[in-house]
Amino acid sequence: MMRLPDFRYYAPQTLQEAANILADQGPTASLIAGGTDLLPKMKRRQQEPETLIALNNIRQLKEIGNGPGLRLGAGVTLSDIVADQRLEEDHRALWQAASQVATPQLRNTATLGGNLCVDTRCTYHDQSFEWRKAIDFCIKQDGETCWAAPTSDRCWAVSSTDSAPALIALGAEVRLVAASGERTVPLEALYRDDGALYLTRQPEEILAEVILPSNAKWRSTYWKLRRRGACDFPILSVAAALRSDAGGTVREARLVLGAISSSPVLCNDVAALLIGNRLSDDLIEEAARLAGASARPKENTDAPAYWRRRMAVPMVTWALKELRGDDMCDERRRLAGQAASMSHEPQSSQTTNEENPK
């Protein structure tokens, strides 16, 4: 049985207290909320913090507040998000993303902040200590070589957060709190394209809150590809959001690809193509091809890189058609079976066991 290493444990009652402890303990400390990702990694010795600072008792982090938009505490669970009708109606991409993370039991524990900061993943790193030692470790931890790209001087582990692409498409910001002060940044600025140093959050900062703008006139959607129809991390995801006028002309748009790089990929060129036009089949086809060109995954996750790259085109197509108003329920059901077949064409005989895939 894998056992946790020894560590000190703090359970602060306020955000300021947690920030003070984090500043005092330094970079050897880690924050823990649900622990659904951190604790297994500690058992595999992928992360070995000397101190854990629990955020579970901080009521402020569990609040959902109204305002010009919506403010979500980082300690809100994914199940809380799925149960919130406001999010289902007005911020649908986030609701869809949260509903497809892991299993109901894990969503009851996993938090929004934890999912936004979830560690990057790689076939060569997400193994037992003995396995990693046998290949002389990797550049992400204890080694000098990125086995996904041996000639590279950086880590290519893959961003595996579901909520980040959805929230970036929705124009979200995050509030980061430290003992010395706080700052608010666009969510996309929280990430850097480096699998080992994938967050711009400083070691002394706590992700406290997600701030969503008012999206009453926006439509959004989230599509997820994974090996199994439930449980798994994404191996490719598409989040899209747009605002159209009464005639159907797109006035604002965002499209984000997830799980193909070390950070979510914001496709600004696709957004520029959509703005000022109606979502015709030809335009959607062109936008999907353009987005597909941004997908350059490595061979370091569940499915072959060439197949994940090819799947970006139909997934962007389906996402944009859904935003146009097309009924895409059948495609959503078939998508869960695609990873099993490793085929570009959906298999109509297969169905999904995803919860609330809408």
Protein backbone atom coordinates (compact mmCIF):
# COMPACT_ATOMS: atom_id res chain seq x y z
CA MET A 1 0.00 0.00 0.00
CA MET A 2 1.28 3.48 -0.83
CA ARG A 3 1.60 5.66 2.24
CA LEU A 4 1.81 9.38 2.67
CA PRO A 5 5.16 10.86 3.76
CA ASP A 6 5.39 12.76 7.03
CA PHE A 7 4.26 16.39 7.00
CA ARG A 8 3.17 19.24 9.27
CA TYR A 9 -0.51 20.15 9.10
CA TYR A 10 -2.23 23.49 9.63
CA ALA A 11 -5.99 24.16 9.54
CA PRO A 12 -6.45 27.96 9.48
CA GLN A 13 -9.91 29.47 9.95
CA THR A 14 -9.48 32.59 7.83
CA LEU A 15 -7.92 33.45 4.50
CA GLN A 16 -5.53 35.92 6.12
CA GLU A 17 -4.38 33.30 8.62
CA ALA A 18 -3.74 30.85 5.78
CA ALA A 19 -1.78 33.48 3.86
CA ASN A 20 0.34 34.25 6.92
CA ILE A 21 1.15 30.58 7.50
CA LEU A 22 2.03 30.13 3.82
CA ALA A 23 4.37 33.13 3.94
CA ASP A 24 6.01 31.77 7.09
CA GLN A 25 6.46 28.19 5.84
CA GLY A 26 7.82 29.16 2.43
CA PRO A 27 7.98 27.12 -0.80
CA THR A 28 8.14 23.77 1.04
CA ALA A 29 4.46 24.17 1.95
CA SER A 30 1.47 23.17 -0.18
CA LEU A 31 -2.17 24.18 0.00
CA ILE A 32 -4.78 21.45 0.19
CA ALA A 33 -8.54 21.61 -0.22
CA GLY A 34 -10.17 18.46 -1.63
CA GLY A 35 -6.80 16.72 -2.03
CA THR A 36 -8.05 14.53 -4.88
CA ASP A 37 -4.91 15.21 -6.95
CA LEU A 38 -2.33 16.18 -4.33
CA LEU A 39 -2.65 13.19 -1.99
CA PRO A 40 -2.16 10.49 -4.68
CA LYS A 41 0.87 12.41 -5.96
CA MET A 42 2.29 12.56 -2.44
CA LYS A 43 1.87 8.80 -2.13
CA ARG A 44 3.80 8.33 -5.40
CA ARG A 45 6.42 10.83 -4.15
CA GLN A 46 5.70 13.10 -7.12
CA GLN A 47 5.19 15.90 -4.61
CA GLU A 48 6.72 15.93 -1.12
CA PRO A 49 5.68 19.07 0.74
CA GLU A 50 6.93 19.40 4.29
CA THR A 51 3.78 21.29 5.31
CA LEU A 52 0.13 21.08 4.28
CA ILE A 53 -2.13 24.08 4.83
CA ALA A 54 -5.77 23.00 4.70
CA LEU A 55 -8.30 25.46 3.29
CA ASN A 56 -11.43 23.45 4.13
CA ASN A 57 -12.37 25.49 7.21
CA ILE A 58 -12.26 28.87 5.51
CA ARG A 59 -15.90 29.81 4.97
CA GLN A 60 -15.01 32.73 2.69
CA LEU A 61 -13.59 30.35 0.10
CA LYS A 62 -16.88 28.42 -0.14
CA GLU A 63 -19.13 31.34 -1.00
CA ILE A 64 -20.88 32.13 -4.28
CA GLY A 65 -21.65 35.84 -4.49
CA ASN A 66 -23.84 37.88 -6.80
CA GLY A 67 -22.86 41.20 -8.35
CA PRO A 68 -22.37 42.53 -11.85
CA GLY A 69 -21.35 38.98 -12.67
CA LEU A 70 -20.69 36.09 -10.30
CA ARG A 71 -17.96 35.49 -7.72
CA LEU A 72 -17.04 31.89 -6.95
CA GLY A 73 -14.89 31.05 -3.95
CA ALA A 74 -12.01 28.74 -4.80
CA GLY A 75 -13.26 26.28 -2.18
CA VAL A 76 -16.62 25.76 -3.90
CA THR A 77 -16.86 22.09 -4.84
CA LEU A 78 -17.49 20.93 -8.38
CA SER A 79 -20.73 19.34 -7.16
CA ASP A 80 -21.81 22.77 -5.89
CA ILE A 81 -21.24 24.16 -9.37
CA VAL A 82 -23.21 21.36 -11.02
CA ALA A 83 -26.11 21.97 -8.62
CA ASP A 84 -26.23 25.73 -9.28
CA GLN A 85 -28.99 26.60 -11.76
CA ARG A 86 -27.52 30.07 -12.41
CA LEU A 87 -24.33 28.51 -13.72
CA GLU A 88 -26.22 25.97 -15.80
CA GLU A 89 -28.19 28.72 -17.51
CA ASP A 90 -25.78 31.67 -17.74
CA HIS A 91 -22.28 30.10 -17.66
CA ARG A 92 -22.99 26.78 -19.30
CA ALA A 93 -19.43 25.97 -20.35
CA LEU A 94 -18.31 25.96 -16.71
CA TRP A 95 -21.33 23.90 -15.67
CA GLN A 96 -20.62 21.35 -18.42
CA ALA A 97 -16.91 21.21 -17.55
CA ALA A 98 -17.56 20.67 -13.84
CA SER A 99 -20.16 17.97 -14.54
CA GLN A 100 -17.63 15.95 -16.54
CA VAL A 101 -14.77 15.96 -14.03
CA ALA A 102 -14.01 12.53 -12.57
CA THR A 103 -16.92 10.87 -10.73
CA PRO A 104 -19.75 12.17 -8.51
CA GLN A 105 -17.87 11.06 -5.40
CA LEU A 106 -14.74 13.00 -6.38
CA ARG A 107 -16.76 16.05 -7.45
CA ASN A 108 -18.23 16.13 -3.95
CA THR A 109 -14.70 16.75 -2.64
CA ALA A 110 -12.78 18.39 -5.48
CA THR A 111 -12.82 22.19 -5.51
CA LEU A 112 -12.86 24.78 -8.26
CA GLY A 113 -9.53 26.22 -7.14
CA GLY A 114 -7.97 22.78 -7.02
CA ASN A 115 -9.12 22.00 -10.54
CA LEU A 116 -7.76 25.31 -11.84
CA CYS A 117 -4.38 24.56 -10.26
CA VAL A 118 -4.33 20.81 -10.94
CA ASP A 119 -0.87 19.52 -11.79
CA THR A 120 0.10 18.88 -15.39
CA ARG A 121 0.18 15.24 -16.47
CA CYS A 122 2.56 13.10 -18.52
CA THR A 123 2.95 9.39 -19.25
CA TYR A 124 6.57 9.57 -18.11
CA HIS A 125 5.80 11.30 -14.81
CA ASP A 126 2.49 9.84 -13.59
CA GLN A 127 4.07 6.56 -12.53
CA SER A 128 5.34 4.98 -9.34
CA PHE A 129 8.61 6.18 -7.83
CA GLU A 130 10.38 2.96 -8.88
CA TRP A 131 9.18 3.30 -12.50
CA ARG A 132 10.39 6.91 -12.69
CA LYS A 133 13.70 5.98 -11.10
CA ALA A 134 14.21 3.26 -13.73
CA ILE A 135 14.22 5.89 -16.52
CA ASP A 136 16.39 8.26 -14.46
CA PHE A 137 13.34 10.43 -13.73
CA CYS A 138 12.39 13.34 -16.01
CA ILE A 139 12.81 17.09 -16.28
CA LYS A 140 9.56 17.71 -14.40
CA GLN A 141 11.07 16.22 -11.25
CA ASP A 142 14.56 15.03 -10.32
CA GLY A 143 15.76 14.41 -13.90
CA GLU A 144 17.31 16.30 -16.81
CA THR A 145 15.42 14.93 -19.83
CA CYS A 146 11.88 15.48 -21.07
CA TRP A 147 11.16 12.00 -22.43
CA ALA A 148 8.23 13.34 -24.48
CA ALA A 149 10.68 15.63 -26.33
CA PRO A 150 14.24 14.55 -25.44
CA THR A 151 15.96 17.41 -27.28
CA SER A 152 13.88 20.06 -25.51
CA ASP A 153 15.11 22.06 -22.53
CA ARG A 154 11.58 22.39 -21.04
CA CYS A 155 8.88 20.08 -19.70
CA TRP A 156 5.98 19.18 -22.01
CA ALA A 157 3.59 17.73 -19.41
CA VAL A 158 -0.03 18.44 -20.38
CA SER A 159 -2.49 20.84 -18.78
CA SER A 160 -5.34 18.66 -17.50
CA THR A 161 -7.77 21.13 -15.96
CA ASP A 162 -11.36 21.00 -17.23
CA SER A 163 -12.54 24.23 -15.67
CA ALA A 164 -9.77 26.53 -16.96
CA PRO A 165 -10.60 26.37 -20.70
CA ALA A 166 -14.28 26.92 -19.90
CA LEU A 167 -13.60 29.86 -17.60
CA ILE A 168 -11.11 31.45 -20.00
CA ALA A 169 -13.74 31.26 -22.74
CA LEU A 170 -16.15 32.97 -20.32
CA GLY A 171 -13.68 35.82 -19.69
CA ALA A 172 -13.06 34.99 -16.02
CA GLU A 173 -10.54 36.62 -13.70
CA VAL A 174 -8.97 35.22 -10.54
CA ARG A 175 -8.09 36.92 -7.27
CA LEU A 176 -4.78 35.89 -5.71
CA VAL A 177 -4.20 36.66 -2.04
CA ALA A 178 -0.89 36.80 -0.14
CA ALA A 179 0.09 38.03 3.30
CA SER A 180 1.51 41.17 1.66
CA GLY A 181 -1.54 41.99 -0.47
CA GLU A 182 -3.62 40.73 -3.35
CA ARG A 183 -3.98 41.03 -7.12
CA THR A 184 -6.58 40.20 -9.75
CA VAL A 185 -5.53 38.85 -13.15
CA PRO A 186 -7.28 37.40 -16.22
CA LEU A 187 -7.45 33.65 -15.80
CA GLU A 188 -5.37 32.99 -18.91
CA ALA A 189 -2.52 34.92 -17.24
CA LEU A 190 -2.43 32.30 -14.46
CA TYR A 191 -0.83 29.77 -16.82
CA ARG A 192 2.49 29.51 -18.61
CA ASP A 193 3.39 27.02 -21.34
CA ASP A 194 5.81 24.94 -19.28
CA GLY A 195 4.79 21.60 -17.81
CA ALA A 196 7.00 21.96 -14.74
CA LEU A 197 6.37 25.65 -14.01
CA TYR A 198 2.84 25.80 -15.33
CA LEU A 199 1.41 28.43 -12.95
CA THR A 200 2.32 32.10 -12.62
CA ARG A 201 0.87 32.06 -9.09
CA GLN A 202 3.67 32.88 -6.67
CA PRO A 203 4.51 30.36 -3.89
CA GLU A 204 3.11 32.73 -1.23
CA GLU A 205 -0.20 33.34 -3.06
CA ILE A 206 -3.55 31.63 -2.56
CA LEU A 207 -6.09 31.44 -5.36
CA ALA A 208 -9.06 32.80 -3.44
CA GLU A 209 -11.80 33.63 -5.93
CA VAL A 210 -12.96 33.34 -9.53
CA ILE A 211 -14.74 36.40 -10.91
CA LEU A 212 -17.13 35.87 -13.81
CA PRO A 213 -18.44 38.82 -15.84
CA SER A 214 -22.10 39.13 -16.65
CA ASN A 215 -22.66 36.78 -19.58
CA ALA A 216 -26.41 37.18 -20.02
CA LYS A 217 -26.08 37.66 -23.78
CA TRP A 218 -23.35 35.06 -24.28
CA ARG A 219 -23.73 31.42 -25.16
CA SER A 220 -21.03 28.96 -24.21
CA THR A 221 -20.20 25.27 -24.40
CA TYR A 222 -17.54 22.76 -23.34
CA TRP A 223 -16.61 19.53 -25.12
CA LYS A 224 -14.34 16.89 -23.64
CA LEU A 225 -12.50 13.95 -25.16
CA ARG A 226 -11.19 11.19 -22.87
CA ARG A 227 -10.37 7.52 -23.07
CA ARG A 228 -13.43 6.40 -21.09
CA GLY A 229 -16.85 7.99 -21.04
CA ALA A 230 -16.43 8.93 -17.38
CA CYS A 231 -13.69 9.33 -14.78
CA ASP A 232 -10.73 10.24 -16.98
CA PHE A 233 -8.76 13.44 -17.41
CA PRO A 234 -9.23 15.19 -20.75
CA ILE A 235 -6.93 14.29 -23.63
CA LEU A 236 -8.45 17.15 -25.64
CA SER A 237 -11.08 19.73 -24.75
CA VAL A 238 -12.80 22.61 -26.51
CA ALA A 239 -14.44 25.56 -24.80
CA ALA A 240 -16.23 28.20 -26.86
CA ALA A 241 -18.28 31.27 -26.03
CA LEU A 242 -19.81 33.94 -28.23
CA ARG A 243 -22.22 36.85 -28.27
CA SER A 244 -24.37 37.42 -31.33
CA ASP A 245 -26.77 40.17 -32.32
CA ALA A 246 -30.44 39.67 -33.16
CA GLY A 247 -29.56 38.76 -36.74
CA GLY A 248 -27.12 36.04 -35.73
CA THR A 249 -23.93 37.96 -36.50
CA VAL A 250 -21.14 37.17 -34.04
CA ARG A 251 -20.02 40.29 -32.15
CA GLU A 252 -17.63 38.73 -29.64
CA ALA A 253 -16.10 35.27 -29.48
CA ARG A 254 -13.56 33.18 -27.59
CA LEU A 255 -12.36 29.64 -28.31
CA VAL A 256 -9.96 27.70 -26.09
CA LEU A 257 -8.31 24.30 -26.57
CA GLY A 258 -7.33 22.30 -23.51
CA ALA A 259 -5.17 19.24 -22.80
CA ILE A 260 -2.99 19.63 -25.91
CA SER A 261 -0.22 21.72 -24.39
CA SER A 262 1.19 22.67 -21.01
CA SER A 263 -1.36 25.51 -20.76
CA PRO A 264 -4.81 26.17 -22.26
CA VAL A 265 -4.53 27.52 -25.82
CA LEU A 266 -6.59 30.64 -26.55
CA CYS A 267 -7.33 30.68 -30.30
CA ASN A 268 -7.52 34.41 -30.98
CA ASP A 269 -7.26 33.90 -34.75
CA VAL A 270 -10.41 31.78 -34.71
CA ALA A 271 -12.26 34.41 -32.70
CA ALA A 272 -11.20 37.09 -35.19
CA LEU A 273 -12.49 34.94 -38.04
CA LEU A 274 -15.91 34.50 -36.42
CA ILE A 275 -16.50 38.12 -35.41
CA GLY A 276 -18.62 40.02 -37.89
CA ASN A 277 -20.00 36.88 -39.54
CA ARG A 278 -22.87 34.46 -39.10
CA LEU A 279 -22.13 30.85 -38.21
CA SER A 280 -22.61 29.26 -41.62
CA ASP A 281 -21.41 25.72 -42.29
CA ASP A 282 -18.55 27.07 -44.43
CA LEU A 283 -17.42 29.48 -41.71
CA ILE A 284 -17.56 26.78 -39.04
CA GLU A 285 -15.53 24.44 -41.25
CA GLU A 286 -12.89 27.10 -41.83
CA ALA A 287 -12.77 28.00 -38.13
CA ALA A 288 -12.38 24.33 -37.16
CA ARG A 289 -9.47 23.87 -39.58
CA LEU A 290 -7.80 26.99 -38.21
CA ALA A 291 -8.24 25.81 -34.64
CA GLY A 292 -6.94 22.36 -35.55
CA ALA A 293 -3.70 23.94 -36.71
CA SER A 294 -3.15 25.13 -33.12
CA ALA A 295 -3.33 21.57 -31.78
CA ARG A 296 0.21 20.16 -31.54
CA PRO A 297 0.10 17.54 -28.78
CA LYS A 298 3.01 15.31 -27.78
CA GLU A 299 3.05 11.53 -27.31
CA ASN A 300 2.77 11.75 -23.55
CA THR A 301 -0.82 10.99 -22.60
CA ASP A 302 -3.55 8.39 -23.05
CA ALA A 303 -4.10 8.50 -26.82
CA PRO A 304 -1.88 8.91 -29.90
CA ALA A 305 -0.94 12.51 -30.60
CA TYR A 306 -1.95 12.33 -34.28
CA TRP A 307 -5.47 11.23 -33.32
CA ARG A 308 -5.89 13.93 -30.67
CA ARG A 309 -4.73 16.49 -33.22
CA ARG A 310 -7.25 15.25 -35.81
CA MET A 311 -10.07 15.23 -33.29
CA ALA A 312 -9.67 18.97 -32.68
CA VAL A 313 -11.38 19.71 -36.01
CA PRO A 314 -14.66 17.78 -35.44
CA MET A 315 -14.82 18.86 -31.80
CA VAL A 316 -14.54 22.55 -32.67
CA THR A 317 -17.12 21.97 -35.41
CA TRP A 318 -19.54 20.40 -32.94
CA ALA A 319 -18.98 23.15 -30.37
CA LEU A 320 -19.70 25.94 -32.85
CA LYS A 321 -22.73 24.17 -34.27
CA GLU A 322 -24.11 23.78 -30.76
CA LEU A 323 -23.64 27.53 -30.16
CA ARG A 324 -25.47 28.14 -33.43
CA GLY A 325 -28.42 26.27 -31.98
CA ASP A 326 -28.03 22.85 -33.59
CA ASP A 327 -29.04 19.76 -31.60
CA MET A 328 -25.72 18.03 -30.86
CA CYS A 329 -26.93 15.46 -28.30
CA ASP A 330 -26.11 12.49 -30.54
CA GLU A 331 -22.56 13.72 -31.12
CA ARG A 332 -22.05 14.17 -27.38
CA ARG A 333 -23.19 10.59 -26.76
CA ARG A 334 -20.91 9.21 -29.48
CA LEU A 335 -17.89 11.21 -28.37
CA ALA A 336 -17.38 9.09 -25.27
CA GLY A 337 -16.90 6.00 -27.44
CA GLN A 338 -14.38 7.53 -29.79
CA ALA A 339 -11.36 7.22 -27.54
CA ALA A 340 -11.94 3.48 -27.22
CA SER A 341 -11.91 3.03 -30.98
CA MET A 342 -9.14 5.58 -31.65
CA SER A 343 -11.05 6.46 -34.80
CA HIS A 344 -11.76 9.81 -36.42
CA GLU A 345 -15.35 8.85 -37.19
CA PRO A 346 -17.91 8.58 -34.35
CA GLN A 347 -19.18 5.08 -33.60
CA SER A 348 -22.98 5.26 -33.50
CA SER A 349 -23.30 1.96 -31.63
CA GLN A 350 -21.53 3.31 -28.57
CA THR A 351 -23.06 5.49 -25.89
CA THR A 352 -21.76 7.49 -22.98
CA ASN A 353 -22.24 7.08 -19.25
CA GLU A 354 -21.32 10.71 -18.54
CA GLU A 355 -23.46 12.45 -15.98
CA ASN A 356 -25.44 15.42 -17.34
CA PRO A 357 -23.50 15.74 -20.63
CA LYS A 358 -26.02 18.23 -22.14
